[in-house]
Amino acid sequence: MSEDGTLEGDVVIEYTGHTGAEKKENNDDDSPAQREETLNGMLKGRMSTAEIANIQIENIADPDKPFTYRFHVRVPGYAQRTGKRLFLQPAFFQKGIDPLFSASRRKYNVYFPYPWSELDEVEIQLPAGYELESPEGRQPILAGAAARHELNITVSDDHQILRCNRNFFFGSKNNILFAVEKYDLLKKLFDAIHEADNHTITLRQTAAR
């Protein structure tokens, strides 16, 4: 990350299981250019200033290996700078994603087609002379056996590398069908997860440049 808030680096995204199968099916009949356009749309839909290059899309026709995106990304203005501080959302893969449930009420039951899990690992090299303003600690979000969400933010001993590890699963023990009467609780759960994923930290400039 640069001092002006630009984030730049290399990204690898792997999809396995049901999600991987869906990605392969959706990309199977597309040309390489169309596949790259799909990836560009996915990123720019969340971060309008994102620029991606060196795209590799792997294992589209391989039933055993994960569907994989590899690319280099540059996002001007990813962090907002105010004076000597940068305000940063470290959960890069969740930035710009809307809440799962937007309606306050629902008429019908909620059904998820399958359980799923997400594991995100982000490392950001901080700008020289900047450090995390205060220690970060967040409690896991739990929903019995159905779901768990953890977001851990740490800094290397030399204060140069910020690490954000996100671990989420939903639908354990096939808890994927919810009566409409449970909608309020389900919405509160995913709203809490969305709020945690959008958690913003403050980096403070501590050395003269």
N, C-alpha and C. Protein backbone atom coordinates (compact mmCIF):
# COMPACT_ATOMS: atom_id res chain seq x y z
N MET A 1 0.83 -1.19 0.00
CA MET A 1 0.00 0.00 0.00
C MET A 1 0.87 1.24 0.00
N SER A 2 0.51 2.21 -0.83
CA SER A 2 1.26 3.45 -0.89
C SER A 2 0.64 4.49 0.05
N GLU A 3 1.36 5.59 0.24
CA GLU A 3 0.91 6.62 1.16
C GLU A 3 -0.38 7.30 0.72
N ASP A 4 -0.69 7.27 -0.56
CA ASP A 4 -1.91 7.92 -1.04
C ASP A 4 -3.13 6.99 -0.98
N GLY A 5 -2.95 5.78 -0.42
CA GLY A 5 -4.07 4.85 -0.28
C GLY A 5 -4.24 3.87 -1.41
N THR A 6 -3.34 3.89 -2.39
CA THR A 6 -3.40 2.92 -3.49
C THR A 6 -2.94 1.55 -3.01
N LEU A 7 -3.71 0.54 -3.31
CA LEU A 7 -3.36 -0.84 -2.96
C LEU A 7 -3.01 -1.60 -4.23
N GLU A 8 -1.87 -2.30 -4.22
CA GLU A 8 -1.42 -3.01 -5.41
C GLU A 8 -0.76 -4.32 -5.01
N GLY A 9 -1.07 -5.40 -5.74
CA GLY A 9 -0.44 -6.67 -5.41
C GLY A 9 -1.00 -7.80 -6.24
N ASP A 10 -0.60 -9.01 -5.88
CA ASP A 10 -0.99 -10.21 -6.60
C ASP A 10 -2.09 -10.96 -5.86
N VAL A 11 -3.03 -11.51 -6.62
CA VAL A 11 -4.21 -12.15 -6.06
C VAL A 11 -4.36 -13.56 -6.62
N VAL A 12 -4.72 -14.49 -5.75
CA VAL A 12 -5.11 -15.84 -6.16
C VAL A 12 -6.45 -16.16 -5.51
N ILE A 13 -7.42 -16.57 -6.31
CA ILE A 13 -8.73 -16.97 -5.80
C ILE A 13 -9.02 -18.38 -6.30
N GLU A 14 -9.32 -19.28 -5.37
CA GLU A 14 -9.64 -20.66 -5.73
C GLU A 14 -11.06 -21.00 -5.28
N TYR A 15 -11.81 -21.63 -6.18
CA TYR A 15 -13.17 -22.08 -5.89
C TYR A 15 -13.21 -23.61 -5.98
N THR A 16 -13.70 -24.25 -4.94
CA THR A 16 -13.81 -25.70 -4.92
C THR A 16 -15.27 -26.10 -4.68
N GLY A 17 -15.53 -27.40 -4.67
CA GLY A 17 -16.86 -27.91 -4.35
C GLY A 17 -17.94 -27.41 -5.30
N HIS A 18 -19.13 -27.16 -4.73
CA HIS A 18 -20.26 -26.72 -5.55
C HIS A 18 -19.98 -25.40 -6.25
N THR A 19 -19.35 -24.47 -5.53
CA THR A 19 -19.07 -23.16 -6.12
C THR A 19 -18.09 -23.29 -7.28
N GLY A 20 -17.08 -24.13 -7.11
CA GLY A 20 -16.13 -24.36 -8.19
C GLY A 20 -16.80 -24.96 -9.41
N ALA A 21 -17.71 -25.91 -9.19
CA ALA A 21 -18.43 -26.53 -10.30
C ALA A 21 -19.29 -25.50 -11.04
N GLU A 22 -19.91 -24.59 -10.30
CA GLU A 22 -20.72 -23.55 -10.93
C GLU A 22 -19.85 -22.61 -11.77
N LYS A 23 -18.69 -22.23 -11.23
CA LYS A 23 -17.79 -21.35 -11.96
C LYS A 23 -17.33 -22.01 -13.26
N LYS A 24 -17.00 -23.29 -13.20
CA LYS A 24 -16.55 -24.00 -14.40
C LYS A 24 -17.67 -24.06 -15.44
N GLU A 25 -18.88 -24.33 -14.98
CA GLU A 25 -20.00 -24.42 -15.91
C GLU A 25 -20.28 -23.06 -16.56
N ASN A 26 -20.22 -22.01 -15.76
CA ASN A 26 -20.52 -20.67 -16.27
C ASN A 26 -19.46 -20.17 -17.25
N ASN A 27 -18.21 -20.64 -17.10
CA ASN A 27 -17.13 -20.18 -17.95
C ASN A 27 -16.82 -21.11 -19.11
N ASP A 28 -17.39 -22.30 -19.09
CA ASP A 28 -17.00 -23.35 -20.02
C ASP A 28 -17.17 -22.95 -21.48
N ASP A 29 -18.28 -22.32 -21.82
CA ASP A 29 -18.57 -21.99 -23.22
C ASP A 29 -18.06 -20.61 -23.63
N ASP A 30 -17.45 -19.87 -22.68
CA ASP A 30 -16.98 -18.52 -22.99
C ASP A 30 -15.59 -18.55 -23.62
N SER A 31 -15.30 -17.52 -24.39
CA SER A 31 -13.96 -17.35 -24.94
C SER A 31 -13.04 -16.81 -23.85
N PRO A 32 -11.72 -16.90 -24.04
CA PRO A 32 -10.80 -16.32 -23.05
C PRO A 32 -11.10 -14.84 -22.78
N ALA A 33 -11.44 -14.09 -23.82
CA ALA A 33 -11.73 -12.66 -23.64
C ALA A 33 -12.99 -12.48 -22.80
N GLN A 34 -13.99 -13.31 -23.01
CA GLN A 34 -15.22 -13.21 -22.23
C GLN A 34 -14.98 -13.57 -20.77
N ARG A 35 -14.11 -14.55 -20.54
CA ARG A 35 -13.79 -14.92 -19.16
C ARG A 35 -13.08 -13.78 -18.43
N GLU A 36 -12.17 -13.12 -19.13
CA GLU A 36 -11.48 -11.98 -18.52
C GLU A 36 -12.46 -10.84 -18.27
N GLU A 37 -13.40 -10.66 -19.19
CA GLU A 37 -14.40 -9.61 -19.01
C GLU A 37 -15.27 -9.90 -17.79
N THR A 38 -15.61 -11.17 -17.56
CA THR A 38 -16.39 -11.55 -16.39
C THR A 38 -15.63 -11.21 -15.11
N LEU A 39 -14.34 -11.52 -15.08
CA LEU A 39 -13.53 -11.21 -13.91
C LEU A 39 -13.43 -9.71 -13.70
N ASN A 40 -13.21 -8.96 -14.78
CA ASN A 40 -13.15 -7.50 -14.67
C ASN A 40 -14.44 -6.94 -14.11
N GLY A 41 -15.56 -7.45 -14.58
CA GLY A 41 -16.85 -6.99 -14.09
C GLY A 41 -17.05 -7.30 -12.63
N MET A 42 -16.59 -8.47 -12.22
CA MET A 42 -16.72 -8.88 -10.81
C MET A 42 -15.95 -7.94 -9.90
N LEU A 43 -14.72 -7.58 -10.32
CA LEU A 43 -13.90 -6.69 -9.49
C LEU A 43 -14.40 -5.26 -9.53
N LYS A 44 -14.69 -4.75 -10.73
CA LYS A 44 -15.12 -3.36 -10.85
C LYS A 44 -16.50 -3.13 -10.26
N GLY A 45 -17.30 -4.18 -10.18
CA GLY A 45 -18.59 -4.04 -9.53
C GLY A 45 -18.45 -3.77 -8.04
N ARG A 46 -17.34 -4.18 -7.46
CA ARG A 46 -17.09 -3.94 -6.04
C ARG A 46 -16.17 -2.75 -5.80
N MET A 47 -15.21 -2.56 -6.68
CA MET A 47 -14.22 -1.48 -6.55
C MET A 47 -14.05 -0.84 -7.92
N SER A 48 -14.70 0.28 -8.13
CA SER A 48 -14.79 0.85 -9.48
C SER A 48 -13.45 1.28 -10.04
N THR A 49 -12.47 1.58 -9.17
CA THR A 49 -11.16 2.04 -9.65
C THR A 49 -10.17 0.89 -9.88
N ALA A 50 -10.60 -0.34 -9.66
CA ALA A 50 -9.69 -1.48 -9.77
C ALA A 50 -9.17 -1.65 -11.19
N GLU A 51 -7.87 -1.93 -11.30
CA GLU A 51 -7.22 -2.21 -12.58
C GLU A 51 -6.54 -3.57 -12.44
N ILE A 52 -6.83 -4.50 -13.34
CA ILE A 52 -6.22 -5.82 -13.23
C ILE A 52 -5.45 -6.16 -14.49
N ALA A 53 -4.39 -6.95 -14.29
CA ALA A 53 -3.51 -7.33 -15.40
C ALA A 53 -2.96 -8.73 -15.13
N ASN A 54 -2.28 -9.29 -16.13
CA ASN A 54 -1.65 -10.61 -16.00
C ASN A 54 -2.65 -11.68 -15.55
N ILE A 55 -3.82 -11.69 -16.18
CA ILE A 55 -4.89 -12.60 -15.77
C ILE A 55 -4.59 -14.02 -16.24
N GLN A 56 -4.76 -14.96 -15.33
CA GLN A 56 -4.71 -16.38 -15.64
C GLN A 56 -5.96 -17.04 -15.05
N ILE A 57 -6.66 -17.82 -15.87
CA ILE A 57 -7.85 -18.53 -15.42
C ILE A 57 -7.60 -20.01 -15.66
N GLU A 58 -7.58 -20.78 -14.57
CA GLU A 58 -7.08 -22.16 -14.65
C GLU A 58 -8.15 -23.19 -14.30
N ASN A 59 -7.96 -24.38 -14.87
CA ASN A 59 -8.69 -25.59 -14.49
C ASN A 59 -10.18 -25.53 -14.85
N ILE A 60 -10.51 -24.83 -15.93
CA ILE A 60 -11.92 -24.72 -16.32
C ILE A 60 -12.50 -26.08 -16.69
N ALA A 61 -11.71 -26.92 -17.32
CA ALA A 61 -12.21 -28.23 -17.78
C ALA A 61 -11.73 -29.38 -16.91
N ASP A 62 -11.03 -29.10 -15.83
CA ASP A 62 -10.51 -30.16 -14.96
C ASP A 62 -11.48 -30.38 -13.80
N PRO A 63 -12.10 -31.57 -13.71
CA PRO A 63 -13.11 -31.79 -12.66
C PRO A 63 -12.53 -31.92 -11.26
N ASP A 64 -11.22 -32.15 -11.17
CA ASP A 64 -10.62 -32.42 -9.86
C ASP A 64 -9.93 -31.22 -9.23
N LYS A 65 -9.47 -30.28 -10.04
CA LYS A 65 -8.72 -29.15 -9.51
C LYS A 65 -9.63 -27.94 -9.32
N PRO A 66 -9.27 -27.04 -8.42
CA PRO A 66 -10.12 -25.86 -8.19
C PRO A 66 -10.11 -24.89 -9.35
N PHE A 67 -11.25 -24.30 -9.60
CA PHE A 67 -11.32 -23.19 -10.56
C PHE A 67 -10.55 -22.03 -9.96
N THR A 68 -9.59 -21.48 -10.72
CA THR A 68 -8.64 -20.54 -10.13
C THR A 68 -8.47 -19.28 -10.97
N TYR A 69 -8.53 -18.14 -10.28
CA TYR A 69 -8.14 -16.86 -10.87
C TYR A 69 -6.79 -16.45 -10.30
N ARG A 70 -5.89 -15.98 -11.17
CA ARG A 70 -4.64 -15.34 -10.76
C ARG A 70 -4.53 -14.03 -11.52
N PHE A 71 -4.19 -12.96 -10.82
CA PHE A 71 -4.05 -11.68 -11.50
C PHE A 71 -3.32 -10.69 -10.60
N HIS A 72 -2.89 -9.61 -11.24
CA HIS A 72 -2.28 -8.49 -10.52
C HIS A 72 -3.32 -7.38 -10.46
N VAL A 73 -3.47 -6.78 -9.30
CA VAL A 73 -4.50 -5.76 -9.14
C VAL A 73 -3.89 -4.47 -8.60
N ARG A 74 -4.45 -3.36 -9.05
CA ARG A 74 -4.10 -2.03 -8.53
C ARG A 74 -5.41 -1.28 -8.28
N VAL A 75 -5.58 -0.77 -7.06
CA VAL A 75 -6.83 -0.09 -6.70
C VAL A 75 -6.50 1.29 -6.14
N PRO A 76 -6.48 2.34 -6.97
CA PRO A 76 -6.28 3.69 -6.45
C PRO A 76 -7.41 4.06 -5.48
N GLY A 77 -7.04 4.73 -4.40
CA GLY A 77 -8.04 5.17 -3.44
C GLY A 77 -8.66 4.07 -2.61
N TYR A 78 -8.00 2.92 -2.54
CA TYR A 78 -8.57 1.83 -1.74
C TYR A 78 -8.70 2.26 -0.28
N ALA A 79 -7.67 2.90 0.26
CA ALA A 79 -7.72 3.47 1.61
C ALA A 79 -7.91 4.98 1.49
N GLN A 80 -8.64 5.55 2.44
CA GLN A 80 -8.89 6.99 2.42
C GLN A 80 -7.89 7.69 3.35
N ARG A 81 -7.25 8.73 2.81
CA ARG A 81 -6.27 9.46 3.60
C ARG A 81 -6.86 10.75 4.13
N THR A 82 -6.65 11.00 5.40
CA THR A 82 -7.04 12.26 6.05
C THR A 82 -5.88 12.71 6.92
N GLY A 83 -5.22 13.77 6.51
CA GLY A 83 -4.08 14.26 7.28
C GLY A 83 -2.99 13.20 7.35
N LYS A 84 -2.65 12.79 8.57
CA LYS A 84 -1.60 11.80 8.79
C LYS A 84 -2.15 10.40 9.01
N ARG A 85 -3.40 10.17 8.64
CA ARG A 85 -4.02 8.87 8.86
C ARG A 85 -4.57 8.28 7.56
N LEU A 86 -4.52 6.95 7.49
CA LEU A 86 -5.14 6.19 6.41
C LEU A 86 -6.21 5.29 7.02
N PHE A 87 -7.40 5.30 6.42
CA PHE A 87 -8.50 4.46 6.89
C PHE A 87 -8.67 3.31 5.90
N LEU A 88 -8.45 2.11 6.39
CA LEU A 88 -8.29 0.93 5.52
C LEU A 88 -9.23 -0.19 5.93
N GLN A 89 -9.90 -0.78 4.93
CA GLN A 89 -10.67 -2.01 5.15
C GLN A 89 -9.77 -3.18 4.77
N PRO A 90 -9.27 -3.92 5.76
CA PRO A 90 -8.29 -4.97 5.44
C PRO A 90 -8.89 -6.21 4.77
N ALA A 91 -10.19 -6.44 4.90
CA ALA A 91 -10.81 -7.63 4.29
C ALA A 91 -11.05 -7.35 2.81
N PHE A 92 -9.98 -7.44 2.02
CA PHE A 92 -10.01 -7.06 0.61
C PHE A 92 -11.08 -7.80 -0.18
N PHE A 93 -11.23 -9.10 0.05
CA PHE A 93 -12.13 -9.91 -0.76
C PHE A 93 -13.61 -9.66 -0.43
N GLN A 94 -13.87 -8.91 0.61
CA GLN A 94 -15.25 -8.59 0.98
C GLN A 94 -15.62 -7.14 0.67
N LYS A 95 -14.65 -6.33 0.31
CA LYS A 95 -14.91 -4.90 0.09
C LYS A 95 -15.89 -4.70 -1.06
N GLY A 96 -16.89 -3.86 -0.82
CA GLY A 96 -17.85 -3.51 -1.86
C GLY A 96 -18.98 -4.50 -2.03
N ILE A 97 -19.02 -5.57 -1.25
CA ILE A 97 -20.10 -6.54 -1.35
C ILE A 97 -21.30 -6.05 -0.55
N ASP A 98 -22.47 -6.06 -1.15
CA ASP A 98 -23.69 -5.61 -0.48
C ASP A 98 -24.15 -6.63 0.56
N PRO A 99 -24.95 -6.19 1.53
CA PRO A 99 -25.53 -7.15 2.50
C PRO A 99 -26.31 -8.23 1.76
N LEU A 100 -26.28 -9.45 2.28
CA LEU A 100 -26.95 -10.56 1.62
C LEU A 100 -28.46 -10.37 1.60
N PHE A 101 -29.01 -9.88 2.70
CA PHE A 101 -30.46 -9.66 2.80
C PHE A 101 -30.72 -8.17 2.98
N SER A 102 -31.41 -7.57 2.02
CA SER A 102 -31.70 -6.13 2.10
C SER A 102 -33.12 -5.85 2.58
N ALA A 103 -34.04 -6.77 2.33
CA ALA A 103 -35.44 -6.54 2.71
C ALA A 103 -35.63 -6.70 4.21
N SER A 104 -36.48 -5.87 4.79
CA SER A 104 -36.75 -5.96 6.23
C SER A 104 -37.70 -7.11 6.54
N ARG A 105 -38.49 -7.52 5.56
CA ARG A 105 -39.44 -8.62 5.77
C ARG A 105 -39.38 -9.60 4.61
N ARG A 106 -39.90 -10.79 4.85
CA ARG A 106 -39.87 -11.83 3.83
C ARG A 106 -41.17 -12.64 3.90
N LYS A 107 -41.65 -13.08 2.72
CA LYS A 107 -42.89 -13.84 2.66
C LYS A 107 -42.67 -15.34 2.67
N TYR A 108 -41.49 -15.77 2.20
CA TYR A 108 -41.26 -17.19 1.99
C TYR A 108 -40.04 -17.68 2.77
N ASN A 109 -39.94 -18.99 2.91
CA ASN A 109 -38.80 -19.59 3.58
C ASN A 109 -37.50 -19.25 2.85
N VAL A 110 -36.40 -19.39 3.56
CA VAL A 110 -35.08 -19.13 2.98
C VAL A 110 -34.37 -20.47 2.79
N TYR A 111 -33.94 -20.71 1.57
CA TYR A 111 -33.24 -21.97 1.28
C TYR A 111 -31.90 -21.66 0.60
N PHE A 112 -30.84 -22.18 1.17
CA PHE A 112 -29.51 -22.11 0.55
C PHE A 112 -29.26 -23.44 -0.16
N PRO A 113 -28.76 -23.42 -1.39
CA PRO A 113 -28.62 -24.67 -2.15
C PRO A 113 -27.62 -25.65 -1.56
N TYR A 114 -26.64 -25.16 -0.78
CA TYR A 114 -25.64 -26.05 -0.18
C TYR A 114 -24.87 -25.29 0.89
N PRO A 115 -24.27 -26.02 1.83
CA PRO A 115 -23.37 -25.36 2.79
C PRO A 115 -22.11 -24.88 2.07
N TRP A 116 -21.43 -23.89 2.66
CA TRP A 116 -20.19 -23.43 2.04
C TRP A 116 -19.28 -22.80 3.09
N SER A 117 -18.02 -22.68 2.73
CA SER A 117 -17.05 -22.04 3.61
C SER A 117 -16.16 -21.11 2.79
N GLU A 118 -15.57 -20.13 3.47
CA GLU A 118 -14.69 -19.15 2.83
C GLU A 118 -13.48 -18.94 3.73
N LEU A 119 -12.32 -18.95 3.12
CA LEU A 119 -11.07 -18.70 3.85
C LEU A 119 -10.28 -17.66 3.07
N ASP A 120 -10.10 -16.50 3.68
CA ASP A 120 -9.37 -15.40 3.04
C ASP A 120 -8.09 -15.12 3.82
N GLU A 121 -7.00 -14.96 3.08
CA GLU A 121 -5.71 -14.61 3.68
C GLU A 121 -5.16 -13.39 2.93
N VAL A 122 -5.03 -12.28 3.63
CA VAL A 122 -4.58 -11.03 3.02
C VAL A 122 -3.34 -10.54 3.76
N GLU A 123 -2.32 -10.17 3.01
CA GLU A 123 -1.13 -9.54 3.58
C GLU A 123 -0.90 -8.21 2.87
N ILE A 124 -0.76 -7.15 3.65
CA ILE A 124 -0.56 -5.81 3.10
C ILE A 124 0.70 -5.21 3.70
N GLN A 125 1.64 -4.85 2.83
CA GLN A 125 2.83 -4.15 3.29
C GLN A 125 2.46 -2.69 3.52
N LEU A 126 2.62 -2.23 4.75
CA LEU A 126 2.21 -0.87 5.10
C LEU A 126 3.18 0.16 4.53
N PRO A 127 2.70 1.37 4.26
CA PRO A 127 3.60 2.43 3.80
C PRO A 127 4.66 2.72 4.86
N ALA A 128 5.83 3.06 4.42
CA ALA A 128 6.91 3.38 5.36
C ALA A 128 6.48 4.53 6.27
N GLY A 129 6.72 4.37 7.57
CA GLY A 129 6.40 5.41 8.53
C GLY A 129 4.98 5.36 9.05
N TYR A 130 4.22 4.31 8.68
CA TYR A 130 2.85 4.16 9.17
C TYR A 130 2.74 2.92 10.06
N GLU A 131 1.84 2.98 11.04
CA GLU A 131 1.60 1.82 11.88
C GLU A 131 0.13 1.80 12.29
N LEU A 132 -0.31 0.63 12.75
CA LEU A 132 -1.68 0.48 13.23
C LEU A 132 -1.88 1.35 14.46
N GLU A 133 -2.93 2.17 14.45
CA GLU A 133 -3.11 3.15 15.52
C GLU A 133 -3.41 2.50 16.86
N SER A 134 -4.21 1.42 16.85
CA SER A 134 -4.54 0.74 18.11
C SER A 134 -4.69 -0.74 17.85
N PRO A 135 -4.46 -1.58 18.86
CA PRO A 135 -4.59 -3.03 18.68
C PRO A 135 -6.00 -3.40 18.22
N GLU A 136 -6.07 -4.43 17.40
CA GLU A 136 -7.35 -4.87 16.86
C GLU A 136 -7.72 -6.24 17.42
N GLY A 137 -8.96 -6.37 17.84
CA GLY A 137 -9.45 -7.66 18.30
C GLY A 137 -10.95 -7.74 18.13
N ARG A 138 -11.43 -8.77 17.47
CA ARG A 138 -12.86 -8.93 17.24
C ARG A 138 -13.29 -10.30 17.72
N GLN A 139 -14.44 -10.34 18.35
CA GLN A 139 -14.99 -11.60 18.81
C GLN A 139 -15.60 -12.37 17.64
N PRO A 140 -15.47 -13.71 17.63
CA PRO A 140 -16.11 -14.49 16.58
C PRO A 140 -17.63 -14.31 16.63
N ILE A 141 -18.25 -14.44 15.47
CA ILE A 141 -19.71 -14.41 15.37
C ILE A 141 -20.18 -15.85 15.23
N LEU A 142 -21.03 -16.30 16.15
CA LEU A 142 -21.45 -17.68 16.20
C LEU A 142 -22.96 -17.79 16.05
N ALA A 143 -23.40 -18.84 15.38
CA ALA A 143 -24.83 -19.13 15.26
C ALA A 143 -25.04 -20.62 15.48
N GLY A 144 -24.73 -21.05 16.70
CA GLY A 144 -24.85 -22.48 17.00
C GLY A 144 -23.98 -23.31 16.09
N ALA A 145 -24.54 -24.41 15.61
CA ALA A 145 -23.79 -25.27 14.69
C ALA A 145 -23.89 -24.80 13.25
N ALA A 146 -24.76 -23.81 12.99
CA ALA A 146 -25.03 -23.43 11.60
C ALA A 146 -23.93 -22.59 10.99
N ALA A 147 -23.32 -21.69 11.77
CA ALA A 147 -22.39 -20.74 11.16
C ALA A 147 -21.37 -20.25 12.16
N ARG A 148 -20.22 -19.83 11.61
CA ARG A 148 -19.17 -19.22 12.41
C ARG A 148 -18.39 -18.26 11.52
N HIS A 149 -18.06 -17.10 12.07
CA HIS A 149 -17.31 -16.09 11.34
C HIS A 149 -16.21 -15.55 12.24
N GLU A 150 -14.98 -15.56 11.73
CA GLU A 150 -13.84 -15.02 12.48
C GLU A 150 -13.05 -14.10 11.57
N LEU A 151 -12.68 -12.93 12.11
CA LEU A 151 -11.84 -11.99 11.38
C LEU A 151 -10.71 -11.58 12.31
N ASN A 152 -9.49 -12.03 11.97
CA ASN A 152 -8.32 -11.76 12.80
C ASN A 152 -7.37 -10.82 12.07
N ILE A 153 -7.04 -9.71 12.73
CA ILE A 153 -6.15 -8.70 12.15
C ILE A 153 -4.91 -8.60 13.03
N THR A 154 -3.75 -8.84 12.45
CA THR A 154 -2.50 -8.80 13.20
C THR A 154 -1.45 -8.03 12.41
N VAL A 155 -0.37 -7.66 13.09
CA VAL A 155 0.74 -6.96 12.47
C VAL A 155 2.03 -7.71 12.78
N SER A 156 2.93 -7.78 11.82
CA SER A 156 4.20 -8.47 12.03
C SER A 156 5.01 -7.77 13.10
N ASP A 157 5.99 -8.49 13.64
CA ASP A 157 6.80 -7.94 14.73
C ASP A 157 7.51 -6.65 14.34
N ASP A 158 7.86 -6.52 13.06
CA ASP A 158 8.55 -5.30 12.62
C ASP A 158 7.57 -4.20 12.20
N HIS A 159 6.27 -4.46 12.36
CA HIS A 159 5.20 -3.48 12.08
C HIS A 159 5.12 -3.11 10.60
N GLN A 160 5.64 -3.95 9.73
CA GLN A 160 5.64 -3.62 8.31
C GLN A 160 4.54 -4.35 7.53
N ILE A 161 4.08 -5.48 8.05
CA ILE A 161 3.10 -6.29 7.33
C ILE A 161 1.83 -6.41 8.17
N LEU A 162 0.70 -6.03 7.57
CA LEU A 162 -0.61 -6.22 8.18
C LEU A 162 -1.22 -7.50 7.61
N ARG A 163 -1.71 -8.36 8.48
CA ARG A 163 -2.34 -9.62 8.05
C ARG A 163 -3.80 -9.64 8.48
N CYS A 164 -4.65 -10.02 7.56
CA CYS A 164 -6.08 -10.16 7.84
C CYS A 164 -6.51 -11.54 7.40
N ASN A 165 -6.88 -12.38 8.36
CA ASN A 165 -7.34 -13.73 8.06
C ASN A 165 -8.83 -13.83 8.40
N ARG A 166 -9.60 -14.27 7.43
CA ARG A 166 -11.05 -14.40 7.59
C ARG A 166 -11.44 -15.85 7.40
N ASN A 167 -12.21 -16.38 8.33
CA ASN A 167 -12.66 -17.77 8.27
C ASN A 167 -14.16 -17.79 8.51
N PHE A 168 -14.90 -18.29 7.54
CA PHE A 168 -16.37 -18.29 7.62
C PHE A 168 -16.91 -19.61 7.10
N PHE A 169 -17.92 -20.15 7.79
CA PHE A 169 -18.67 -21.26 7.22
C PHE A 169 -20.13 -21.10 7.56
N PHE A 170 -20.97 -21.67 6.71
CA PHE A 170 -22.42 -21.61 6.93
C PHE A 170 -23.05 -22.90 6.44
N GLY A 171 -24.03 -23.37 7.18
CA GLY A 171 -24.80 -24.55 6.77
C GLY A 171 -24.30 -25.86 7.34
N SER A 172 -23.51 -25.80 8.41
CA SER A 172 -23.03 -27.03 9.02
C SER A 172 -24.20 -27.92 9.42
N LYS A 173 -24.00 -29.23 9.27
CA LYS A 173 -25.05 -30.22 9.56
C LYS A 173 -26.31 -29.98 8.73
N ASN A 174 -26.08 -29.46 7.52
CA ASN A 174 -27.16 -29.22 6.55
C ASN A 174 -28.22 -28.26 7.08
N ASN A 175 -27.80 -27.27 7.85
CA ASN A 175 -28.72 -26.20 8.26
C ASN A 175 -28.80 -25.18 7.13
N ILE A 176 -29.61 -25.49 6.13
CA ILE A 176 -29.68 -24.64 4.94
C ILE A 176 -31.11 -24.21 4.61
N LEU A 177 -32.09 -24.69 5.37
CA LEU A 177 -33.49 -24.33 5.15
C LEU A 177 -34.01 -23.65 6.41
N PHE A 178 -34.57 -22.43 6.24
CA PHE A 178 -35.02 -21.65 7.38
C PHE A 178 -36.44 -21.15 7.14
N ALA A 179 -37.32 -21.43 8.09
CA ALA A 179 -38.70 -20.97 8.00
C ALA A 179 -38.74 -19.45 7.97
N VAL A 180 -39.76 -18.92 7.34
CA VAL A 180 -39.87 -17.47 7.23
C VAL A 180 -39.88 -16.80 8.60
N GLU A 181 -40.35 -17.50 9.63
CA GLU A 181 -40.36 -16.94 10.98
C GLU A 181 -38.95 -16.71 11.51
N LYS A 182 -37.96 -17.36 10.92
CA LYS A 182 -36.56 -17.21 11.35
C LYS A 182 -35.83 -16.13 10.56
N TYR A 183 -36.53 -15.47 9.64
CA TYR A 183 -35.85 -14.53 8.75
C TYR A 183 -35.16 -13.41 9.52
N ASP A 184 -35.83 -12.85 10.52
CA ASP A 184 -35.24 -11.75 11.28
C ASP A 184 -33.90 -12.15 11.90
N LEU A 185 -33.85 -13.36 12.48
CA LEU A 185 -32.61 -13.83 13.09
C LEU A 185 -31.54 -14.06 12.03
N LEU A 186 -31.96 -14.62 10.89
CA LEU A 186 -31.01 -14.88 9.81
C LEU A 186 -30.45 -13.57 9.26
N LYS A 187 -31.32 -12.59 9.08
CA LYS A 187 -30.87 -11.29 8.59
C LYS A 187 -29.91 -10.63 9.58
N LYS A 188 -30.22 -10.70 10.87
CA LYS A 188 -29.33 -10.11 11.88
C LYS A 188 -27.96 -10.77 11.85
N LEU A 189 -27.94 -12.09 11.64
CA LEU A 189 -26.66 -12.80 11.57
C LEU A 189 -25.83 -12.29 10.39
N PHE A 190 -26.42 -12.24 9.20
CA PHE A 190 -25.64 -11.83 8.03
C PHE A 190 -25.35 -10.34 8.04
N ASP A 191 -26.19 -9.55 8.67
CA ASP A 191 -25.87 -8.13 8.83
C ASP A 191 -24.66 -7.94 9.74
N ALA A 192 -24.60 -8.75 10.80
CA ALA A 192 -23.44 -8.67 11.71
C ALA A 192 -22.16 -9.11 11.00
N ILE A 193 -22.26 -10.14 10.17
CA ILE A 193 -21.10 -10.59 9.40
C ILE A 193 -20.67 -9.52 8.40
N HIS A 194 -21.63 -8.90 7.75
CA HIS A 194 -21.32 -7.83 6.79
C HIS A 194 -20.64 -6.66 7.49
N GLU A 195 -21.11 -6.30 8.67
CA GLU A 195 -20.49 -5.21 9.43
C GLU A 195 -19.05 -5.56 9.81
N ALA A 196 -18.84 -6.81 10.24
CA ALA A 196 -17.48 -7.23 10.59
C ALA A 196 -16.57 -7.21 9.37
N ASP A 197 -17.07 -7.68 8.23
CA ASP A 197 -16.25 -7.71 7.01
C ASP A 197 -15.88 -6.31 6.53
N ASN A 198 -16.69 -5.31 6.87
CA ASN A 198 -16.43 -3.94 6.46
C ASN A 198 -15.72 -3.14 7.54
N HIS A 199 -15.19 -3.84 8.54
CA HIS A 199 -14.48 -3.18 9.62
C HIS A 199 -13.30 -2.37 9.06
N THR A 200 -13.18 -1.13 9.50
CA THR A 200 -12.12 -0.23 9.03
C THR A 200 -11.12 0.01 10.15
N ILE A 201 -9.85 -0.08 9.81
CA ILE A 201 -8.79 0.20 10.78
C ILE A 201 -8.11 1.51 10.42
N THR A 202 -7.37 2.06 11.37
CA THR A 202 -6.69 3.34 11.17
C THR A 202 -5.18 3.15 11.23
N LEU A 203 -4.52 3.61 10.19
CA LEU A 203 -3.05 3.63 10.15
C LEU A 203 -2.61 5.07 10.39
N ARG A 204 -1.64 5.23 11.28
CA ARG A 204 -1.18 6.55 11.64
C ARG A 204 0.26 6.76 11.22
N GLN A 205 0.53 7.92 10.65
CA GLN A 205 1.90 8.25 10.26
C GLN A 205 2.68 8.64 11.50
N THR A 206 3.78 7.92 11.74
CA THR A 206 4.56 8.15 12.95
C THR A 206 5.94 8.71 12.69
N ALA A 207 6.36 8.74 11.43
CA ALA A 207 7.69 9.24 11.10
C ALA A 207 7.59 10.28 10.01
N ALA A 208 8.42 11.28 10.09
CA ALA A 208 8.43 12.33 9.07
C ALA A 208 8.91 11.75 7.76
N ARG A 209 8.31 12.20 6.67
CA ARG A 209 8.66 11.72 5.32
C ARG A 209 9.47 12.78 4.59
